[in-house]
Amino acid sequence: MKRLTIVRIATAMVLWMTIGCTPSPRVVGNQEPVGPQSRESTVNALFAPPSPETIPGDLRGEQIRLGYKMIVATQEYGKRYVGNALNCTNCHLDGGLNPNAASFVGIAALYPHYHERAGRRVTLADRINECFERSMNGKPLPPDSVKLTAIVAYIEWLSKSMPSGSAVPWRGVPRIASTHQPDSPGGKKVYEKKCAFCHGSEGQGTAAAPPVWGPRSYNIGADMARIGLAASFIKANMPRGWGWTVTDDEAIDVAAYINTRPRPDFPGMTHDWPKGGKPADAPY
């Protein structure tokens, strides 16, 4: 297991070093600029992560490197705060460098901002801890945690080259625009044909990919528990490296199947969306 973790980190580092080969970002559908930004600022915001060679050799550089390790090897470096078998990079692919998978590049510039699900303004650290509680089915890192500070430092470093006032057009994942009604039984067939080889026939994960349901996966309060968001992620990113793809309808169906399987509860959901605005596909 230790060897596998090292291999995964090394693989992600290679991807980082060869970022010039990363696919061009797709703009998230129906996403409006945050704040008083213009269309021109959106167009001019280029996906250009900084080179690893620019990480400083001081304490700040150490924080950035630790933050990267927390993202790609969360099971090893943040285990006490994790309640499942996931690493942050399972959703934020390639250590947060993939523009089609909730990339971290440029995101720090958007915080603090009003978060509808929380009903208040949140900081970047707040949002990170929300992911630990929901996607990682764990617990928040203490505000003075060295590891929380490190993750913030890593994301801030990835955002350092963003133009002032940029809307970060690759924020989140490219959304599917479809009127197709989710078909869970149909999604089961898609899963068995195109997903089970990596994620396991029972969704419990393998050495190649993480669990997508059950006690070792994200809980019902996670963003990925929404069918629409999960479908968009699947369409944009899955399967990885197998030479086939899924259609929009297949992505919606398999997301419906995955998200109707058992998974951990999230008691804090009763406090979500205090001022309304809950998406139609939110599972609560």
C-alpha atoms as a PDB file:
ATOM      1  CA  MET A   1       0.000   0.000   0.000  1.00  0.00           C
ATOM      2  CA  LYS A   2       2.843   2.391   0.839  1.00  0.00           C
ATOM      3  CA  ARG A   3       4.447   1.624  -2.512  1.00  0.00           C
ATOM      4  CA  LEU A   4       1.142   2.228  -4.305  1.00  0.00           C
ATOM      5  CA  THR A   5       0.773   5.621  -2.598  1.00  0.00           C
ATOM      6  CA  ILE A   6       4.283   6.634  -3.665  1.00  0.00           C
ATOM      7  CA  VAL A   7       3.545   5.559  -7.236  1.00  0.00           C
ATOM      8  CA  ARG A   8       0.361   7.633  -7.278  1.00  0.00           C
ATOM      9  CA  ILE A   9       2.178  10.707  -5.980  1.00  0.00           C
ATOM     10  CA  ALA A  10       4.932  10.227  -8.533  1.00  0.00           C
ATOM     11  CA  THR A  11       2.370   9.860 -11.317  1.00  0.00           C
ATOM     12  CA  ALA A  12       0.603  13.052 -10.270  1.00  0.00           C
ATOM     13  CA  MET A  13       3.927  14.871 -10.129  1.00  0.00           C
ATOM     14  CA  VAL A  14       4.691  13.803 -13.685  1.00  0.00           C
ATOM     15  CA  LEU A  15       1.305  15.115 -14.764  1.00  0.00           C
ATOM     16  CA  TRP A  16       2.097  18.365 -12.995  1.00  0.00           C
ATOM     17  CA  MET A  17       5.462  18.711 -14.660  1.00  0.00           C
ATOM     18  CA  THR A  18       3.848  18.103 -18.069  1.00  0.00           C
ATOM     19  CA  ILE A  19       0.916  20.423 -17.529  1.00  0.00           C
ATOM     20  CA  GLY A  20       1.322  21.795 -21.022  1.00  0.00           C
ATOM     21  CA  CYS A  21      -0.253  18.540 -22.256  1.00  0.00           C
ATOM     22  CA  THR A  22      -3.384  18.976 -20.124  1.00  0.00           C
ATOM     23  CA  PRO A  23      -6.588  19.188 -22.243  1.00  0.00           C
ATOM     24  CA  SER A  24      -7.978  22.662 -22.836  1.00  0.00           C
ATOM     25  CA  PRO A  25     -10.601  23.626 -20.265  1.00  0.00           C
ATOM     26  CA  ARG A  26     -14.280  23.513 -21.096  1.00  0.00           C
ATOM     27  CA  VAL A  27     -16.270  26.461 -19.774  1.00  0.00           C
ATOM     28  CA  VAL A  28     -18.857  25.522 -17.150  1.00  0.00           C
ATOM     29  CA  GLY A  29     -22.305  25.960 -18.663  1.00  0.00           C
ATOM     30  CA  ASN A  30     -24.563  28.729 -17.344  1.00  0.00           C
ATOM     31  CA  GLN A  31     -21.927  29.994 -14.948  1.00  0.00           C
ATOM     32  CA  GLU A  32     -22.023  33.717 -14.384  1.00  0.00           C
ATOM     33  CA  PRO A  33     -18.925  35.707 -13.426  1.00  0.00           C
ATOM     34  CA  VAL A  34     -18.520  36.206  -9.685  1.00  0.00           C
ATOM     35  CA  GLY A  35     -18.721  39.887  -8.772  1.00  0.00           C
ATOM     36  CA  PRO A  36     -18.325  42.880 -11.116  1.00  0.00           C
ATOM     37  CA  GLN A  37     -16.418  41.051 -13.841  1.00  0.00           C
ATOM     38  CA  SER A  38     -16.775  41.563 -17.561  1.00  0.00           C
ATOM     39  CA  ARG A  39     -17.016  39.088 -20.413  1.00  0.00           C
ATOM     40  CA  GLU A  40     -13.555  40.198 -21.492  1.00  0.00           C
ATOM     41  CA  SER A  41     -12.055  39.185 -18.144  1.00  0.00           C
ATOM     42  CA  THR A  42     -13.654  35.750 -18.532  1.00  0.00           C
ATOM     43  CA  VAL A  43     -12.157  35.263 -21.983  1.00  0.00           C
ATOM     44  CA  ASN A  44      -8.738  36.494 -20.901  1.00  0.00           C
ATOM     45  CA  ALA A  45      -8.508  34.132 -17.917  1.00  0.00           C
ATOM     46  CA  LEU A  46      -6.158  31.446 -19.220  1.00  0.00           C
ATOM     47  CA  PHE A  47      -5.633  28.107 -17.550  1.00  0.00           C
ATOM     48  CA  ALA A  48      -1.957  28.485 -16.706  1.00  0.00           C
ATOM     49  CA  PRO A  49      -0.828  26.766 -13.479  1.00  0.00           C
ATOM     50  CA  PRO A  50       2.558  27.914 -12.179  1.00  0.00           C
ATOM     51  CA  SER A  51       5.574  25.688 -12.704  1.00  0.00           C
ATOM     52  CA  PRO A  52       6.715  23.565  -9.732  1.00  0.00           C
ATOM     53  CA  GLU A  53      10.102  25.208 -10.192  1.00  0.00           C
ATOM     54  CA  THR A  54       8.619  28.446  -8.861  1.00  0.00           C
ATOM     55  CA  ILE A  55       7.775  27.008  -5.448  1.00  0.00           C
ATOM     56  CA  PRO A  56       9.908  29.006  -2.997  1.00  0.00           C
ATOM     57  CA  GLY A  57      12.572  27.284  -0.943  1.00  0.00           C
ATOM     58  CA  ASP A  58      11.405  28.781   2.353  1.00  0.00           C
ATOM     59  CA  LEU A  59       8.718  27.943   4.920  1.00  0.00           C
ATOM     60  CA  ARG A  60       6.009  28.962   2.455  1.00  0.00           C
ATOM     61  CA  GLY A  61       7.411  26.457  -0.024  1.00  0.00           C
ATOM     62  CA  GLU A  62       7.286  23.734   2.606  1.00  0.00           C
ATOM     63  CA  GLN A  63       3.636  24.570   3.247  1.00  0.00           C
ATOM     64  CA  ILE A  64       2.842  24.375  -0.466  1.00  0.00           C
ATOM     65  CA  ARG A  65       4.509  20.979  -0.805  1.00  0.00           C
ATOM     66  CA  LEU A  66       2.695  19.640   2.253  1.00  0.00           C
ATOM     67  CA  GLY A  67      -0.578  20.963   0.858  1.00  0.00           C
ATOM     68  CA  TYR A  68       0.054  19.085  -2.376  1.00  0.00           C
ATOM     69  CA  LYS A  69       0.697  15.888  -0.432  1.00  0.00           C
ATOM     70  CA  MET A  70      -2.537  16.405   1.523  1.00  0.00           C
ATOM     71  CA  ILE A  71      -4.426  16.565  -1.770  1.00  0.00           C
ATOM     72  CA  VAL A  72      -2.888  13.608  -3.601  1.00  0.00           C
ATOM     73  CA  ALA A  73      -2.274  11.335  -0.581  1.00  0.00           C
ATOM     74  CA  THR A  74      -4.979  12.383   1.877  1.00  0.00           C
ATOM     75  CA  GLN A  75      -5.215   8.853   3.235  1.00  0.00           C
ATOM     76  CA  GLU A  76      -1.596   9.077   4.368  1.00  0.00           C
ATOM     77  CA  TYR A  77      -1.148  12.713   5.378  1.00  0.00           C
ATOM     78  CA  GLY A  78      -4.667  13.554   6.610  1.00  0.00           C
ATOM     79  CA  LYS A  79      -5.933  10.199   7.790  1.00  0.00           C
ATOM     80  CA  ARG A  80      -7.157  11.389  11.189  1.00  0.00           C
ATOM     81  CA  TYR A  81      -9.591  13.743   9.455  1.00  0.00           C
ATOM     82  CA  VAL A  82     -10.881  11.246   6.860  1.00  0.00           C
ATOM     83  CA  GLY A  83     -13.739   8.775   7.367  1.00  0.00           C
ATOM     84  CA  ASN A  84     -13.642   6.914   4.068  1.00  0.00           C
ATOM     85  CA  ALA A  85     -11.192   5.552   1.488  1.00  0.00           C
ATOM     86  CA  LEU A  86     -10.954   8.649  -0.722  1.00  0.00           C
ATOM     87  CA  ASN A  87      -8.192  11.136  -1.452  1.00  0.00           C
ATOM     88  CA  CYS A  88      -8.967  14.741  -2.406  1.00  0.00           C
ATOM     89  CA  THR A  89      -7.531  14.108  -5.863  1.00  0.00           C
ATOM     90  CA  ASN A  90     -10.272  11.551  -6.584  1.00  0.00           C
ATOM     91  CA  CYS A  91     -12.568  14.490  -7.332  1.00  0.00           C
ATOM     92  CA  HIS A  92      -9.981  17.238  -7.902  1.00  0.00           C
ATOM     93  CA  LEU A  93      -8.162  15.155 -10.485  1.00  0.00           C
ATOM     94  CA  ASP A  94      -4.396  15.346 -10.970  1.00  0.00           C
ATOM     95  CA  GLY A  95      -3.850  17.166  -7.700  1.00  0.00           C
ATOM     96  CA  GLY A  96      -6.339  19.896  -8.620  1.00  0.00           C
ATOM     97  CA  LEU A  97      -4.667  20.607 -11.950  1.00  0.00           C
ATOM     98  CA  ASN A  98      -7.275  19.150 -14.296  1.00  0.00           C
ATOM     99  CA  PRO A  99      -9.417  22.004 -15.702  1.00  0.00           C
ATOM    100  CA  ASN A 100     -12.395  19.681 -16.216  1.00  0.00           C
ATOM    101  CA  ALA A 101     -12.461  18.331 -12.659  1.00  0.00           C
ATOM    102  CA  ALA A 102     -12.942  21.075 -10.060  1.00  0.00           C
ATOM    103  CA  SER A 103      -9.460  22.463 -10.562  1.00  0.00           C
ATOM    104  CA  PHE A 104      -7.876  24.522  -7.797  1.00  0.00           C
ATOM    105  CA  VAL A 105      -6.156  26.859 -10.254  1.00  0.00           C
ATOM    106  CA  GLY A 106      -7.427  30.398  -9.690  1.00  0.00           C
ATOM    107  CA  ILE A 107      -9.956  29.352  -7.054  1.00  0.00           C
ATOM    108  CA  ALA A 108      -8.303  31.170  -4.147  1.00  0.00           C
ATOM    109  CA  ALA A 109      -9.095  34.475  -5.835  1.00  0.00           C
ATOM    110  CA  LEU A 110     -12.825  33.793  -5.397  1.00  0.00           C
ATOM    111  CA  TYR A 111     -12.748  33.611  -1.589  1.00  0.00           C
ATOM    112  CA  PRO A 112     -14.241  34.690   0.700  1.00  0.00           C
ATOM    113  CA  HIS A 113     -17.653  34.613  -0.958  1.00  0.00           C
ATOM    114  CA  TYR A 114     -21.294  33.956  -0.134  1.00  0.00           C
ATOM    115  CA  HIS A 115     -22.101  30.239  -0.142  1.00  0.00           C
ATOM    116  CA  GLU A 116     -25.808  29.479  -0.565  1.00  0.00           C
ATOM    117  CA  ARG A 117     -25.641  26.052   1.041  1.00  0.00           C
ATOM    118  CA  ALA A 118     -24.122  27.549   4.190  1.00  0.00           C
ATOM    119  CA  GLY A 119     -26.182  30.747   4.025  1.00  0.00           C
ATOM    120  CA  ARG A 120     -23.130  32.907   4.790  1.00  0.00           C
ATOM    121  CA  ARG A 121     -19.786  34.083   3.501  1.00  0.00           C
ATOM    122  CA  VAL A 122     -17.159  31.389   3.691  1.00  0.00           C
ATOM    123  CA  THR A 123     -13.384  31.404   3.508  1.00  0.00           C
ATOM    124  CA  LEU A 124     -11.240  29.035   1.481  1.00  0.00           C
ATOM    125  CA  ALA A 125     -10.422  27.184   4.721  1.00  0.00           C
ATOM    126  CA  ASP A 126     -14.168  26.844   5.444  1.00  0.00           C
ATOM    127  CA  ARG A 127     -14.733  25.315   2.014  1.00  0.00           C
ATOM    128  CA  ILE A 128     -11.849  22.873   2.466  1.00  0.00           C
ATOM    129  CA  ASN A 129     -13.259  21.712   5.784  1.00  0.00           C
ATOM    130  CA  GLU A 130     -16.691  21.320   4.241  1.00  0.00           C
ATOM    131  CA  CYS A 131     -15.154  18.867   1.778  1.00  0.00           C
ATOM    132  CA  PHE A 132     -13.521  16.949   4.604  1.00  0.00           C
ATOM    133  CA  GLU A 133     -16.862  16.612   6.369  1.00  0.00           C
ATOM    134  CA  ARG A 134     -18.848  15.661   3.268  1.00  0.00           C
ATOM    135  CA  SER A 135     -16.771  14.262   0.419  1.00  0.00           C
ATOM    136  CA  MET A 136     -14.256  12.683   2.784  1.00  0.00           C
ATOM    137  CA  ASN A 137     -16.971  11.728   5.315  1.00  0.00           C
ATOM    138  CA  GLY A 138     -14.612  12.940   8.030  1.00  0.00           C
ATOM    139  CA  LYS A 139     -14.176  15.887  10.351  1.00  0.00           C
ATOM    140  CA  PRO A 140     -12.897  19.450   9.924  1.00  0.00           C
ATOM    141  CA  LEU A 141      -9.270  20.318  10.483  1.00  0.00           C
ATOM    142  CA  PRO A 142      -8.673  22.719  13.404  1.00  0.00           C
ATOM    143  CA  PRO A 143      -8.417  26.384  12.319  1.00  0.00           C
ATOM    144  CA  ASP A 144      -4.787  26.500  13.469  1.00  0.00           C
ATOM    145  CA  SER A 145      -3.897  23.174  11.837  1.00  0.00           C
ATOM    146  CA  VAL A 146      -0.596  23.117   9.971  1.00  0.00           C
ATOM    147  CA  LYS A 147      -2.178  20.816   7.403  1.00  0.00           C
ATOM    148  CA  LEU A 148      -5.167  23.097   6.788  1.00  0.00           C
ATOM    149  CA  THR A 149      -2.788  26.025   6.353  1.00  0.00           C
ATOM    150  CA  ALA A 150      -0.791  23.900   3.915  1.00  0.00           C
ATOM    151  CA  ILE A 151      -3.792  23.101   1.710  1.00  0.00           C
ATOM    152  CA  VAL A 152      -4.715  26.793   1.629  1.00  0.00           C
ATOM    153  CA  ALA A 153      -1.113  27.656   0.727  1.00  0.00           C
ATOM    154  CA  TYR A 154      -1.104  25.141  -2.128  1.00  0.00           C
ATOM    155  CA  ILE A 155      -4.357  26.460  -3.611  1.00  0.00           C
ATOM    156  CA  GLU A 156      -3.243  30.069  -3.174  1.00  0.00           C
ATOM    157  CA  TRP A 157       0.019  29.260  -4.950  1.00  0.00           C
ATOM    158  CA  LEU A 158      -1.884  27.651  -7.840  1.00  0.00           C
ATOM    159  CA  SER A 159      -3.943  30.846  -8.061  1.00  0.00           C
ATOM    160  CA  LYS A 160      -1.116  33.363  -7.924  1.00  0.00           C
ATOM    161  CA  SER A 161      -1.034  34.093 -11.667  1.00  0.00           C
ATOM    162  CA  MET A 162      -4.752  34.746 -12.123  1.00  0.00           C
ATOM    163  CA  PRO A 163      -5.578  38.208 -13.477  1.00  0.00           C
ATOM    164  CA  SER A 164      -7.389  40.495 -11.071  1.00  0.00           C
ATOM    165  CA  GLY A 165     -11.152  40.234 -11.513  1.00  0.00           C
ATOM    166  CA  SER A 166     -11.046  36.958 -13.412  1.00  0.00           C
ATOM    167  CA  ALA A 167     -14.200  34.830 -13.402  1.00  0.00           C
ATOM    168  CA  VAL A 168     -12.244  31.522 -13.561  1.00  0.00           C
ATOM    169  CA  PRO A 169     -14.298  30.024 -16.437  1.00  0.00           C
ATOM    170  CA  TRP A 170     -13.144  26.445 -15.680  1.00  0.00           C
ATOM    171  CA  ARG A 171     -14.476  26.606 -12.119  1.00  0.00           C
ATOM    172  CA  GLY A 172     -16.216  23.393 -11.050  1.00  0.00           C
ATOM    173  CA  VAL A 173     -16.965  20.883 -13.808  1.00  0.00           C
ATOM    174  CA  PRO A 174     -18.474  21.387 -17.295  1.00  0.00           C
ATOM    175  CA  ARG A 175     -22.207  20.931 -16.816  1.00  0.00           C
ATOM    176  CA  ILE A 176     -24.385  18.701 -18.977  1.00  0.00           C
ATOM    177  CA  ALA A 177     -27.354  20.483 -20.534  1.00  0.00           C
ATOM    178  CA  SER A 178     -29.939  17.725 -20.987  1.00  0.00           C
ATOM    179  CA  THR A 179     -33.612  17.072 -20.409  1.00  0.00           C
ATOM    180  CA  HIS A 180     -33.017  13.326 -20.094  1.00  0.00           C
ATOM    181  CA  GLN A 181     -34.707  11.840 -17.035  1.00  0.00           C
ATOM    182  CA  PRO A 182     -32.356   9.761 -14.852  1.00  0.00           C
ATOM    183  CA  ASP A 183     -32.797   6.021 -15.335  1.00  0.00           C
ATOM    184  CA  SER A 184     -31.161   4.120 -12.495  1.00  0.00           C
ATOM    185  CA  PRO A 185     -31.738   0.594 -13.923  1.00  0.00           C
ATOM    186  CA  GLY A 186     -30.260   1.761 -17.211  1.00  0.00           C
ATOM    187  CA  GLY A 187     -27.379   3.282 -15.270  1.00  0.00           C
ATOM    188  CA  LYS A 188     -26.660  -0.079 -13.692  1.00  0.00           C
ATOM    189  CA  LYS A 189     -26.079  -1.528 -17.156  1.00  0.00           C
ATOM    190  CA  VAL A 190     -23.759   1.343 -18.050  1.00  0.00           C
ATOM    191  CA  TYR A 191     -21.891   0.893 -14.784  1.00  0.00           C
ATOM    192  CA  GLU A 192     -21.392  -2.827 -15.339  1.00  0.00           C
ATOM    193  CA  LYS A 193     -20.143  -2.239 -18.871  1.00  0.00           C
ATOM    194  CA  LYS A 194     -17.951   0.840 -18.470  1.00  0.00           C
ATOM    195  CA  CYS A 195     -17.271   1.493 -14.769  1.00  0.00           C
ATOM    196  CA  ALA A 196     -17.078  -1.747 -12.799  1.00  0.00           C
ATOM    197  CA  PHE A 197     -13.647  -2.780 -14.050  1.00  0.00           C
ATOM    198  CA  CYS A 198     -12.032   0.154 -12.172  1.00  0.00           C
ATOM    199  CA  HIS A 199     -14.532   0.875  -9.384  1.00  0.00           C
ATOM    200  CA  GLY A 200     -15.478  -2.728  -8.624  1.00  0.00           C
ATOM    201  CA  SER A 201     -18.636  -4.691  -9.365  1.00  0.00           C
ATOM    202  CA  GLU A 202     -20.045  -3.638  -5.979  1.00  0.00           C
ATOM    203  CA  GLY A 203     -18.788  -0.065  -6.182  1.00  0.00           C
ATOM    204  CA  GLN A 204     -16.252  -0.593  -3.394  1.00  0.00           C
ATOM    205  CA  GLY A 205     -13.251   0.502  -5.420  1.00  0.00           C
ATOM    206  CA  THR A 206     -10.070  -1.223  -6.561  1.00  0.00           C
ATOM    207  CA  ALA A 207      -6.370  -0.353  -6.684  1.00  0.00           C
ATOM    208  CA  ALA A 208      -7.183   1.575  -9.873  1.00  0.00           C
ATOM    209  CA  ALA A 209     -10.111   3.720  -8.689  1.00  0.00           C
ATOM    210  CA  PRO A 210     -11.961   4.748  -5.505  1.00  0.00           C
ATOM    211  CA  PRO A 211     -15.242   3.417  -4.093  1.00  0.00           C
ATOM    212  CA  VAL A 212     -18.323   5.169  -5.456  1.00  0.00           C
ATOM    213  CA  TRP A 213     -20.846   3.928  -2.904  1.00  0.00           C
ATOM    214  CA  GLY A 214     -20.923   2.131   0.415  1.00  0.00           C
ATOM    215  CA  PRO A 215     -19.283   3.009   3.763  1.00  0.00           C
ATOM    216  CA  ARG A 216     -15.921   3.853   2.190  1.00  0.00           C
ATOM    217  CA  SER A 217     -17.295   6.473  -0.221  1.00  0.00           C
ATOM    218  CA  TYR A 218     -18.594  10.071   0.047  1.00  0.00           C
ATOM    219  CA  ASN A 219     -21.625  10.734   2.221  1.00  0.00           C
ATOM    220  CA  ILE A 220     -25.082  11.967   1.204  1.00  0.00           C
ATOM    221  CA  GLY A 221     -24.159  15.583   1.963  1.00  0.00           C
ATOM    222  CA  ALA A 222     -21.316  15.679  -0.600  1.00  0.00           C
ATOM    223  CA  ASP A 223     -21.534  17.661  -3.828  1.00  0.00           C
ATOM    224  CA  MET A 224     -21.016  14.438  -5.775  1.00  0.00           C
ATOM    225  CA  ALA A 225     -24.202  13.024  -4.215  1.00  0.00           C
ATOM    226  CA  ARG A 226     -26.134  15.314  -6.568  1.00  0.00           C
ATOM    227  CA  ILE A 227     -27.016  13.436  -9.753  1.00  0.00           C
ATOM    228  CA  GLY A 228     -26.525  16.457 -12.005  1.00  0.00           C
ATOM    229  CA  LEU A 229     -23.061  17.233 -10.713  1.00  0.00           C
ATOM    230  CA  ALA A 230     -21.960  13.586 -10.653  1.00  0.00           C
ATOM    231  CA  ALA A 231     -23.200  13.139 -14.223  1.00  0.00           C
ATOM    232  CA  SER A 232     -21.265  16.191 -15.377  1.00  0.00           C
ATOM    233  CA  PHE A 233     -18.093  14.935 -13.695  1.00  0.00           C
ATOM    234  CA  ILE A 234     -18.504  11.482 -15.238  1.00  0.00           C
ATOM    235  CA  LYS A 235     -19.140  12.881 -18.714  1.00  0.00           C
ATOM    236  CA  ALA A 236     -16.115  15.191 -18.569  1.00  0.00           C
ATOM    237  CA  ASN A 237     -13.638  12.773 -17.033  1.00  0.00           C
ATOM    238  CA  MET A 238     -14.637   9.108 -17.156  1.00  0.00           C
ATOM    239  CA  PRO A 239     -13.526   6.493 -18.023  1.00  0.00           C
ATOM    240  CA  ARG A 240      -9.866   7.523 -17.795  1.00  0.00           C
ATOM    241  CA  GLY A 241      -7.494   6.031 -20.358  1.00  0.00           C
ATOM    242  CA  TRP A 242      -9.638   3.156 -21.623  1.00  0.00           C
ATOM    243  CA  GLY A 243     -10.402   4.429 -25.109  1.00  0.00           C
ATOM    244  CA  TRP A 244     -14.158   4.749 -24.712  1.00  0.00           C
ATOM    245  CA  THR A 245     -16.532   7.440 -23.493  1.00  0.00           C
ATOM    246  CA  VAL A 246     -20.068   7.850 -22.200  1.00  0.00           C
ATOM    247  CA  THR A 247     -22.892   9.843 -23.728  1.00  0.00           C
ATOM    248  CA  ASP A 248     -24.702  12.579 -21.816  1.00  0.00           C
ATOM    249  CA  ASP A 249     -27.640  10.242 -21.196  1.00  0.00           C
ATOM    250  CA  GLU A 250     -25.354   7.413 -20.044  1.00  0.00           C
ATOM    251  CA  ALA A 251     -23.576   9.775 -17.647  1.00  0.00           C
ATOM    252  CA  ILE A 252     -26.904  10.878 -16.150  1.00  0.00           C
ATOM    253  CA  ASP A 253     -28.124   7.308 -15.812  1.00  0.00           C
ATOM    254  CA  VAL A 254     -24.958   5.950 -14.216  1.00  0.00           C
ATOM    255  CA  ALA A 255     -24.864   8.928 -11.828  1.00  0.00           C
ATOM    256  CA  ALA A 256     -28.439   8.112 -10.832  1.00  0.00           C
ATOM    257  CA  TYR A 257     -27.508   4.482 -10.260  1.00  0.00           C
ATOM    258  CA  ILE A 258     -24.430   5.309  -8.195  1.00  0.00           C
ATOM    259  CA  ASN A 259     -26.247   7.880  -6.084  1.00  0.00           C
ATOM    260  CA  THR A 260     -29.161   5.595  -5.270  1.00  0.00           C
ATOM    261  CA  ARG A 261     -26.778   3.039  -3.764  1.00  0.00           C
ATOM    262  CA  PRO A 262     -26.213   3.050   0.033  1.00  0.00           C
ATOM    263  CA  ARG A 263     -23.680   5.509   1.407  1.00  0.00           C
ATOM    264  CA  PRO A 264     -22.871   7.227   4.734  1.00  0.00           C
ATOM    265  CA  ASP A 265     -25.348   9.659   6.268  1.00  0.00           C
ATOM    266  CA  PHE A 266     -24.568  13.312   6.993  1.00  0.00           C
ATOM    267  CA  PRO A 267     -26.439  14.600  10.071  1.00  0.00           C
ATOM    268  CA  GLY A 268     -25.532  18.246   9.412  1.00  0.00           C
ATOM    269  CA  MET A 269     -27.735  18.379   6.300  1.00  0.00           C
ATOM    270  CA  THR A 270     -30.646  19.804   8.282  1.00  0.00           C
ATOM    271  CA  HIS A 271     -28.742  23.107   8.458  1.00  0.00           C
ATOM    272  CA  ASP A 272     -28.129  23.324   4.714  1.00  0.00           C
ATOM    273  CA  TRP A 273     -29.699  25.958   2.442  1.00  0.00           C
ATOM    274  CA  PRO A 274     -31.050  28.143   5.289  1.00  0.00           C
ATOM    275  CA  LYS A 275     -32.125  30.860   2.860  1.00  0.00           C
ATOM    276  CA  GLY A 276     -33.356  28.662   0.018  1.00  0.00           C
ATOM    277  CA  GLY A 277     -31.699  28.124  -3.337  1.00  0.00           C
ATOM    278  CA  LYS A 278     -31.409  24.340  -3.045  1.00  0.00           C
ATOM    279  CA  PRO A 279     -30.766  22.760  -6.485  1.00  0.00           C
ATOM    280  CA  ALA A 280     -33.508  20.487  -7.774  1.00  0.00           C
ATOM    281  CA  ASP A 281     -31.172  17.489  -7.804  1.00  0.00           C
ATOM    282  CA  ALA A 282     -29.791  17.988  -4.295  1.00  0.00           C
ATOM    283  CA  PRO A 283     -30.463  14.759  -2.356  1.00  0.00           C
ATOM    284  CA  TYR A 284     -31.897  16.551   0.699  1.00  0.00           C
END
